[in-house]
Each structure stands twice: as structure tokens, then as C-alpha cells.
């Protein structure tokens, strides 16, 4: 396991043909259901088999599942744990980059060209928003699970985000759809999707659907 190097070393640069580093943010409140863990592991495996490096916070059951899927597929999983936190990073990391605080952690993740968010809920939404903001609002945001339509519709209603911000945002039903979204122009998310847009809310095959809110 490799220790600290500057986060910038994750960027292969514009002249390389290697796939870029993809940040995966995965948090969920309460016990994690097996289908969610299995879907998270699948996401890690799919990204790794396509050659993507995966950047994660380094903590949590869902992050561990993503890391396990990627590591078992021979992928590169870089964790950005905070040195002062009394927590043990998941063992499914191939590299560690210790950060001085959560701001630096989110800045490193937000610098990636795309942020994939799993585990619909306030914790993962807050982490994604913070990383995206610190990273200069340039990262592509891909939310996995139709349950995200409910959360994002609420933000649209009460926070009234800029339409230009929505151009970076996509919701997909399952981990397999993430690969199709990477490297393609982001289709703008619209509040109407909460009632039946691209992803079908409440799909029985969607482990991330969650209850309607």
C-alpha cells in the first residue's frame, strides 16, 4: 500500500489515453442492505475492469464494498482518509493518501472529472455537494439509484439551483449504466424526472431506490 502523494498525481493529464480517475462517494445511514452492498461492489468491479482508477474517502461499509469489487478485479483504489480521525480505513484500498482535514479530502475527490454517488440520503448528498463545490463545480455528477430523483426534486423546489449546475447532473438506475454515462455529454437533469424521467423510481431491480420522500 502506497502512502501519501499529491492528489494531483491522480490526473493522467490531457495527452494520455488512459481512463481518468473517478471519485465514488458512498454513504448511507443505518444498516446497509445486502443488495446495496452487492450493487456497490459491482460498481467497483465494473469501473476497474474498464481501467478507471477509483478515488474514495476510505471509510464506511459501502466504500469497502466498492473497493472490494475494484481490488478483486485488479483495479487501483485510492483512499483519502483524514489523519486525525479515530477511524480505520477500509482494507480494500491499494493506496492511501492521508489528508490533514475533511476540506482537503473533499478537495481531492472533487478534483476528479466525475463523481459517482451511491446510497441515496442526506450524508452522501452533502458529501457530494461539498466535494463538487470545492472542486470548482467542474466534475460530472452521476447519482446511482432512482431514489435520488426524490432528493434532487426537493433541492430543486427549495434551493432553486442554477440551471447550468443541473447540466452536470445525471441519475441512473444501476451501476451498469454508469459506464455508459462516463465520457458522454451530461444530459440535464430535470425535476420532472422525479415522477418518471430517464430512471424509473421504485424499480424492483434498483437496490438504491429507497422509500419515496
C-alpha atoms as a PDB file:
ATOM      1  CA  UNK A   1       0.000   0.000   0.000  1.00  0.00           C
ATOM      2  CA  UNK A   2       1.459   3.307  -1.105  1.00  0.00           C
ATOM      3  CA  UNK A   3       1.387   6.256   1.272  1.00  0.00           C
ATOM      4  CA  UNK A   4       0.887   9.958   0.645  1.00  0.00           C
ATOM      5  CA  UNK A   5       1.429  11.583  -2.733  1.00  0.00           C
ATOM      6  CA  UNK A   6      -0.131  14.808  -4.007  1.00  0.00           C
ATOM      7  CA  UNK A   7      -3.730  14.350  -5.192  1.00  0.00           C
ATOM      8  CA  UNK A   8      -2.759  15.955  -8.491  1.00  0.00           C
ATOM      9  CA  UNK A   9      -0.820  12.805  -9.384  1.00  0.00           C
ATOM     10  CA  UNK A  10      -4.186  11.096  -9.886  1.00  0.00           C
ATOM     11  CA  UNK A  11      -4.773  13.155 -13.035  1.00  0.00           C
ATOM     12  CA  UNK A  12      -3.204  11.350 -16.018  1.00  0.00           C
ATOM     13  CA  UNK A  13      -3.199  14.602 -17.991  1.00  0.00           C
ATOM     14  CA  UNK A  14      -4.898  15.634 -21.217  1.00  0.00           C
ATOM     15  CA  UNK A  15      -2.463  13.870 -23.571  1.00  0.00           C
ATOM     16  CA  UNK A  16      -2.874  10.357 -22.235  1.00  0.00           C
ATOM     17  CA  UNK A  17      -5.363   7.765 -23.456  1.00  0.00           C
ATOM     18  CA  UNK A  18      -5.726   6.178 -20.020  1.00  0.00           C
ATOM     19  CA  UNK A  19      -9.166   6.379 -18.408  1.00  0.00           C
ATOM     20  CA  UNK A  20      -9.350   9.136 -15.771  1.00  0.00           C
ATOM     21  CA  UNK A  21      -9.785   8.784 -12.044  1.00  0.00           C
ATOM     22  CA  UNK A  22     -13.410   8.570 -10.918  1.00  0.00           C
ATOM     23  CA  UNK A  23     -14.440   9.600  -7.398  1.00  0.00           C
ATOM     24  CA  UNK A  24     -17.008   7.346  -5.750  1.00  0.00           C
ATOM     25  CA  UNK A  25     -18.856   8.744  -2.732  1.00  0.00           C
ATOM     26  CA  UNK A  26     -20.805   6.139  -0.802  1.00  0.00           C
ATOM     27  CA  UNK A  27     -22.565   6.802   2.474  1.00  0.00           C
ATOM     28  CA  UNK A  28     -25.843   5.602   3.914  1.00  0.00           C
ATOM     29  CA  UNK A  29     -27.479   5.988   7.310  1.00  0.00           C
ATOM     30  CA  UNK A  30     -28.285   2.885   9.355  1.00  0.00           C
ATOM     31  CA  UNK A  31     -27.680  -0.763   8.436  1.00  0.00           C
ATOM     32  CA  UNK A  32     -26.748  -1.400   4.825  1.00  0.00           C
ATOM     33  CA  UNK A  33     -28.903  -3.955   2.995  1.00  0.00           C
ATOM     34  CA  UNK A  34     -27.157  -6.763   1.141  1.00  0.00           C
ATOM     35  CA  UNK A  35     -28.485  -5.715  -2.314  1.00  0.00           C
ATOM     36  CA  UNK A  36     -26.970  -2.258  -1.816  1.00  0.00           C
ATOM     37  CA  UNK A  37     -23.605  -3.750  -0.853  1.00  0.00           C
ATOM     38  CA  UNK A  38     -23.691  -6.092  -3.828  1.00  0.00           C
ATOM     39  CA  UNK A  39     -24.543  -3.247  -6.206  1.00  0.00           C
ATOM     40  CA  UNK A  40     -21.720  -1.122  -4.748  1.00  0.00           C
ATOM     41  CA  UNK A  41     -19.266  -3.982  -5.211  1.00  0.00           C
ATOM     42  CA  UNK A  42     -20.481  -4.376  -8.797  1.00  0.00           C
ATOM     43  CA  UNK A  43     -19.865  -0.675  -9.426  1.00  0.00           C
ATOM     44  CA  UNK A  44     -16.275  -1.001  -8.229  1.00  0.00           C
ATOM     45  CA  UNK A  45     -15.710  -4.085 -10.361  1.00  0.00           C
ATOM     46  CA  UNK A  46     -17.165  -2.500 -13.494  1.00  0.00           C
ATOM     47  CA  UNK A  47     -15.085   0.666 -13.150  1.00  0.00           C
ATOM     48  CA  UNK A  48     -11.916  -1.348 -12.504  1.00  0.00           C
ATOM     49  CA  UNK A  49     -12.405  -3.666 -15.484  1.00  0.00           C
ATOM     50  CA  UNK A  50     -12.671  -0.592 -17.728  1.00  0.00           C
ATOM     51  CA  UNK A  51      -9.366   0.712 -16.385  1.00  0.00           C
ATOM     52  CA  UNK A  52     -10.648   3.555 -14.226  1.00  0.00           C
ATOM     53  CA  UNK A  53      -8.789   4.459 -11.047  1.00  0.00           C
ATOM     54  CA  UNK A  54     -11.255   4.872  -8.173  1.00  0.00           C
ATOM     55  CA  UNK A  55     -10.846   7.594  -5.545  1.00  0.00           C
ATOM     56  CA  UNK A  56     -12.761   7.219  -2.268  1.00  0.00           C
ATOM     57  CA  UNK A  57     -12.848   8.721   1.201  1.00  0.00           C
ATOM     58  CA  UNK A  58     -11.575   5.451   2.616  1.00  0.00           C
ATOM     59  CA  UNK A  59     -14.273   4.865   5.213  1.00  0.00           C
ATOM     60  CA  UNK A  60     -17.544   3.010   5.551  1.00  0.00           C
ATOM     61  CA  UNK A  61     -19.226  -0.218   4.578  1.00  0.00           C
ATOM     62  CA  UNK A  62     -20.299   0.969   1.134  1.00  0.00           C
ATOM     63  CA  UNK A  63     -16.837   2.353   0.356  1.00  0.00           C
ATOM     64  CA  UNK A  64     -15.426  -1.003   1.420  1.00  0.00           C
ATOM     65  CA  UNK A  65     -17.788  -2.781  -0.971  1.00  0.00           C
ATOM     66  CA  UNK A  66     -16.770  -0.514  -3.867  1.00  0.00           C
ATOM     67  CA  UNK A  67     -13.107  -1.046  -3.011  1.00  0.00           C
ATOM     68  CA  UNK A  68     -13.523  -4.797  -2.713  1.00  0.00           C
ATOM     69  CA  UNK A  69     -15.123  -5.068  -6.135  1.00  0.00           C
ATOM     70  CA  UNK A  70     -12.387  -2.975  -7.739  1.00  0.00           C
ATOM     71  CA  UNK A  71      -9.467  -4.551  -5.895  1.00  0.00           C
ATOM     72  CA  UNK A  72     -10.582  -8.120  -6.657  1.00  0.00           C
ATOM     73  CA  UNK A  73     -10.795  -7.118 -10.320  1.00  0.00           C
ATOM     74  CA  UNK A  74      -7.191  -5.888 -10.192  1.00  0.00           C
ATOM     75  CA  UNK A  75      -8.120  -2.213 -10.084  1.00  0.00           C
ATOM     76  CA  UNK A  76      -6.500   0.758  -8.388  1.00  0.00           C
ATOM     77  CA  UNK A  77      -8.402   2.137  -5.388  1.00  0.00           C
ATOM     78  CA  UNK A  78      -7.006   5.295  -3.779  1.00  0.00           C
ATOM     79  CA  UNK A  79      -8.274   6.289  -0.349  1.00  0.00           C
ATOM     80  CA  UNK A  80      -8.105   9.816   1.099  1.00  0.00           C
ATOM     81  CA  UNK A  81      -8.616   9.283   4.847  1.00  0.00           C
ATOM     82  CA  UNK A  82      -8.225  12.117   7.340  1.00  0.00           C
ATOM     83  CA  UNK A  83      -5.251  11.505   9.593  1.00  0.00           C
ATOM     84  CA  UNK A  84      -6.804  12.988  12.745  1.00  0.00           C
ATOM     85  CA  UNK A  85      -9.997  10.911  12.575  1.00  0.00           C
ATOM     86  CA  UNK A  86     -10.140   7.952  15.000  1.00  0.00           C
ATOM     87  CA  UNK A  87     -11.327   5.610  12.251  1.00  0.00           C
ATOM     88  CA  UNK A  88      -9.686   2.764  10.390  1.00  0.00           C
ATOM     89  CA  UNK A  89      -9.795   2.971   6.590  1.00  0.00           C
ATOM     90  CA  UNK A  90     -11.256   0.009   4.766  1.00  0.00           C
ATOM     91  CA  UNK A  91      -8.651  -2.661   3.954  1.00  0.00           C
ATOM     92  CA  UNK A  92      -9.822  -2.697   0.317  1.00  0.00           C
ATOM     93  CA  UNK A  93      -7.552   0.174  -0.731  1.00  0.00           C
ATOM     94  CA  UNK A  94      -4.474  -0.200  -2.892  1.00  0.00           C
ATOM     95  CA  UNK A  95      -3.123   3.249  -1.968  1.00  0.00           C
ATOM     96  CA  UNK A  96      -3.535   5.705   0.888  1.00  0.00           C
ATOM     97  CA  UNK A  97      -3.198   9.485   0.643  1.00  0.00           C
ATOM     98  CA  UNK A  98      -3.548  10.850   4.171  1.00  0.00           C
ATOM     99  CA  UNK A  99      -5.327  14.210   4.319  1.00  0.00           C
ATOM    100  CA  UNK A 100      -4.984  16.858   7.070  1.00  0.00           C
ATOM    101  CA  UNK A 101      -8.731  17.550   7.266  1.00  0.00           C
ATOM    102  CA  UNK A 102     -12.094  16.913   5.606  1.00  0.00           C
ATOM    103  CA  UNK A 103     -11.729  20.018   3.419  1.00  0.00           C
ATOM    104  CA  UNK A 104      -8.565  18.618   1.819  1.00  0.00           C
ATOM    105  CA  UNK A 105     -10.250  15.228   1.488  1.00  0.00           C
ATOM    106  CA  UNK A 106     -13.240  16.660  -0.369  1.00  0.00           C
ATOM    107  CA  UNK A 107     -10.975  18.872  -2.493  1.00  0.00           C
ATOM    108  CA  UNK A 108      -9.054  15.801  -3.667  1.00  0.00           C
ATOM    109  CA  UNK A 109     -12.252  13.942  -4.532  1.00  0.00           C
ATOM    110  CA  UNK A 110     -13.856  16.999  -6.138  1.00  0.00           C
ATOM    111  CA  UNK A 111     -10.858  17.442  -8.439  1.00  0.00           C
ATOM    112  CA  UNK A 112     -11.801  14.256 -10.310  1.00  0.00           C
ATOM    113  CA  UNK A 113     -13.583  14.740 -13.646  1.00  0.00           C
ATOM    114  CA  UNK A 114     -16.572  12.691 -12.462  1.00  0.00           C
ATOM    115  CA  UNK A 115     -18.139  11.932  -9.076  1.00  0.00           C
ATOM    116  CA  UNK A 116     -20.332   8.843  -8.787  1.00  0.00           C
ATOM    117  CA  UNK A 117     -22.652   8.932  -5.762  1.00  0.00           C
ATOM    118  CA  UNK A 118     -24.354   5.864  -4.274  1.00  0.00           C
ATOM    119  CA  UNK A 119     -26.512   5.370  -1.185  1.00  0.00           C
ATOM    120  CA  UNK A 120     -29.363   7.902  -1.557  1.00  0.00           C
ATOM    121  CA  UNK A 121     -29.607  10.027   1.558  1.00  0.00           C
ATOM    122  CA  UNK A 122     -28.512  13.266   3.221  1.00  0.00           C
ATOM    123  CA  UNK A 123     -24.980  12.111   4.123  1.00  0.00           C
ATOM    124  CA  UNK A 124     -23.931  11.139   0.606  1.00  0.00           C
ATOM    125  CA  UNK A 125     -25.731  14.152  -0.883  1.00  0.00           C
ATOM    126  CA  UNK A 126     -23.951  16.566   1.472  1.00  0.00           C
ATOM    127  CA  UNK A 127     -20.568  14.979   0.796  1.00  0.00           C
ATOM    128  CA  UNK A 128     -21.115  15.111  -2.966  1.00  0.00           C
ATOM    129  CA  UNK A 129     -22.225  18.751  -2.869  1.00  0.00           C
ATOM    130  CA  UNK A 130     -19.241  19.749  -0.717  1.00  0.00           C
ATOM    131  CA  UNK A 131     -16.702  17.947  -2.923  1.00  0.00           C
ATOM    132  CA  UNK A 132     -18.262  19.299  -6.098  1.00  0.00           C
ATOM    133  CA  UNK A 133     -18.300  22.875  -4.772  1.00  0.00           C
ATOM    134  CA  UNK A 134     -14.694  22.768  -3.532  1.00  0.00           C
ATOM    135  CA  UNK A 135     -13.605  21.205  -6.816  1.00  0.00           C
ATOM    136  CA  UNK A 136     -14.870  24.231  -8.723  1.00  0.00           C
ATOM    137  CA  UNK A 137     -18.204  22.776  -9.901  1.00  0.00           C
ATOM    138  CA  UNK A 138     -16.467  21.158 -12.863  1.00  0.00           C
ATOM    139  CA  UNK A 139     -16.963  17.474 -12.031  1.00  0.00           C
ATOM    140  CA  UNK A 140     -19.672  15.426 -13.679  1.00  0.00           C
ATOM    141  CA  UNK A 141     -22.164  14.210 -11.025  1.00  0.00           C
ATOM    142  CA  UNK A 142     -23.666  10.751 -11.563  1.00  0.00           C
ATOM    143  CA  UNK A 143     -26.165   9.620  -8.915  1.00  0.00           C
ATOM    144  CA  UNK A 144     -26.841   5.872  -8.857  1.00  0.00           C
ATOM    145  CA  UNK A 145     -30.363   4.810  -7.934  1.00  0.00           C
ATOM    146  CA  UNK A 146     -33.810   6.065  -8.857  1.00  0.00           C
ATOM    147  CA  UNK A 147     -34.329   7.119  -5.226  1.00  0.00           C
ATOM    148  CA  UNK A 148     -32.154  10.133  -5.991  1.00  0.00           C
ATOM    149  CA  UNK A 149     -34.940  11.708  -8.033  1.00  0.00           C
ATOM    150  CA  UNK A 150     -36.879  12.382  -4.820  1.00  0.00           C
ATOM    151  CA  UNK A 151     -33.922  14.042  -3.106  1.00  0.00           C
ATOM    152  CA  UNK A 152     -32.976  16.146  -6.107  1.00  0.00           C
ATOM    153  CA  UNK A 153     -36.569  17.226  -6.735  1.00  0.00           C
ATOM    154  CA  UNK A 154     -36.655  18.563  -3.174  1.00  0.00           C
ATOM    155  CA  UNK A 155     -33.470  20.549  -3.763  1.00  0.00           C
ATOM    156  CA  UNK A 156     -34.892  21.947  -6.968  1.00  0.00           C
ATOM    157  CA  UNK A 157     -38.024  23.067  -5.165  1.00  0.00           C
ATOM    158  CA  UNK A 158     -36.448  24.668  -2.109  1.00  0.00           C
ATOM    159  CA  UNK A 159     -32.937  25.718  -3.142  1.00  0.00           C
ATOM    160  CA  UNK A 160     -33.570  26.701  -6.777  1.00  0.00           C
ATOM    161  CA  UNK A 161     -30.126  25.766  -8.164  1.00  0.00           C
ATOM    162  CA  UNK A 162     -28.771  27.347 -11.303  1.00  0.00           C
ATOM    163  CA  UNK A 163     -29.778  25.544 -14.470  1.00  0.00           C
ATOM    164  CA  UNK A 164     -26.129  25.454 -15.501  1.00  0.00           C
ATOM    165  CA  UNK A 165     -25.449  23.351 -12.389  1.00  0.00           C
ATOM    166  CA  UNK A 166     -28.083  20.825 -13.445  1.00  0.00           C
ATOM    167  CA  UNK A 167     -26.242  20.323 -16.723  1.00  0.00           C
ATOM    168  CA  UNK A 168     -23.544  18.420 -14.823  1.00  0.00           C
ATOM    169  CA  UNK A 169     -26.002  16.077 -13.113  1.00  0.00           C
ATOM    170  CA  UNK A 170     -27.330  12.669 -14.163  1.00  0.00           C
ATOM    171  CA  UNK A 171     -29.366   9.989 -12.356  1.00  0.00           C
ATOM    172  CA  UNK A 172     -29.037   6.346 -13.464  1.00  0.00           C
ATOM    173  CA  UNK A 173     -30.875   3.263 -12.250  1.00  0.00           C
ATOM    174  CA  UNK A 174     -27.995   0.860 -11.716  1.00  0.00           C
ATOM    175  CA  UNK A 175     -24.180   0.560 -11.620  1.00  0.00           C
ATOM    176  CA  UNK A 176     -24.057  -0.827 -15.147  1.00  0.00           C
ATOM    177  CA  UNK A 177     -25.487   2.410 -16.531  1.00  0.00           C
ATOM    178  CA  UNK A 178     -22.622   4.436 -15.030  1.00  0.00           C
ATOM    179  CA  UNK A 179     -20.170   3.240 -17.672  1.00  0.00           C
ATOM    180  CA  UNK A 180     -22.459   4.443 -20.435  1.00  0.00           C
ATOM    181  CA  UNK A 181     -22.580   7.914 -18.881  1.00  0.00           C
ATOM    182  CA  UNK A 182     -18.845   8.389 -18.417  1.00  0.00           C
ATOM    183  CA  UNK A 183     -17.225  10.233 -21.268  1.00  0.00           C
ATOM    184  CA  UNK A 184     -20.534  11.370 -22.754  1.00  0.00           C
ATOM    185  CA  UNK A 185     -22.159  14.815 -22.586  1.00  0.00           C
ATOM    186  CA  UNK A 186     -24.212  15.115 -19.412  1.00  0.00           C
ATOM    187  CA  UNK A 187     -27.960  15.089 -20.173  1.00  0.00           C
ATOM    188  CA  UNK A 188     -29.502  17.813 -17.983  1.00  0.00           C
ATOM    189  CA  UNK A 189     -31.500  16.516 -15.048  1.00  0.00           C
ATOM    190  CA  UNK A 190     -34.991  17.973 -14.735  1.00  0.00           C
ATOM    191  CA  UNK A 191     -37.408  17.922 -11.797  1.00  0.00           C
ATOM    192  CA  UNK A 192     -39.978  16.125 -13.956  1.00  0.00           C
ATOM    193  CA  UNK A 193     -37.717  13.057 -13.741  1.00  0.00           C
ATOM    194  CA  UNK A 194     -38.849  12.615 -10.162  1.00  0.00           C
ATOM    195  CA  UNK A 195     -42.156  11.389 -11.487  1.00  0.00           C
ATOM    196  CA  UNK A 196     -40.907   9.242 -14.348  1.00  0.00           C
ATOM    197  CA  UNK A 197     -37.935  10.570 -16.303  1.00  0.00           C
ATOM    198  CA  UNK A 198     -34.990   8.527 -17.541  1.00  0.00           C
ATOM    199  CA  UNK A 199     -34.864   6.361 -14.429  1.00  0.00           C
ATOM    200  CA  UNK A 200     -37.987   4.655 -13.185  1.00  0.00           C
ATOM    201  CA  UNK A 201     -38.396   5.446  -9.472  1.00  0.00           C
ATOM    202  CA  UNK A 202     -39.127   2.457  -7.291  1.00  0.00           C
ATOM    203  CA  UNK A 203     -37.898  -0.130  -9.775  1.00  0.00           C
ATOM    204  CA  UNK A 204     -37.793  -3.540  -8.114  1.00  0.00           C
ATOM    205  CA  UNK A 205     -34.397  -4.143  -9.704  1.00  0.00           C
ATOM    206  CA  UNK A 206     -32.959  -0.958  -8.219  1.00  0.00           C
ATOM    207  CA  UNK A 207     -31.387  -1.643  -4.803  1.00  0.00           C
ATOM    208  CA  UNK A 208     -30.733   2.071  -4.319  1.00  0.00           C
ATOM    209  CA  UNK A 209     -34.337   3.129  -4.895  1.00  0.00           C
ATOM    210  CA  UNK A 210     -35.173   3.715  -1.238  1.00  0.00           C
ATOM    211  CA  UNK A 211     -38.535   4.915   0.010  1.00  0.00           C
ATOM    212  CA  UNK A 212     -40.310   7.797  -1.660  1.00  0.00           C
ATOM    213  CA  UNK A 213     -39.873  11.111   0.102  1.00  0.00           C
END
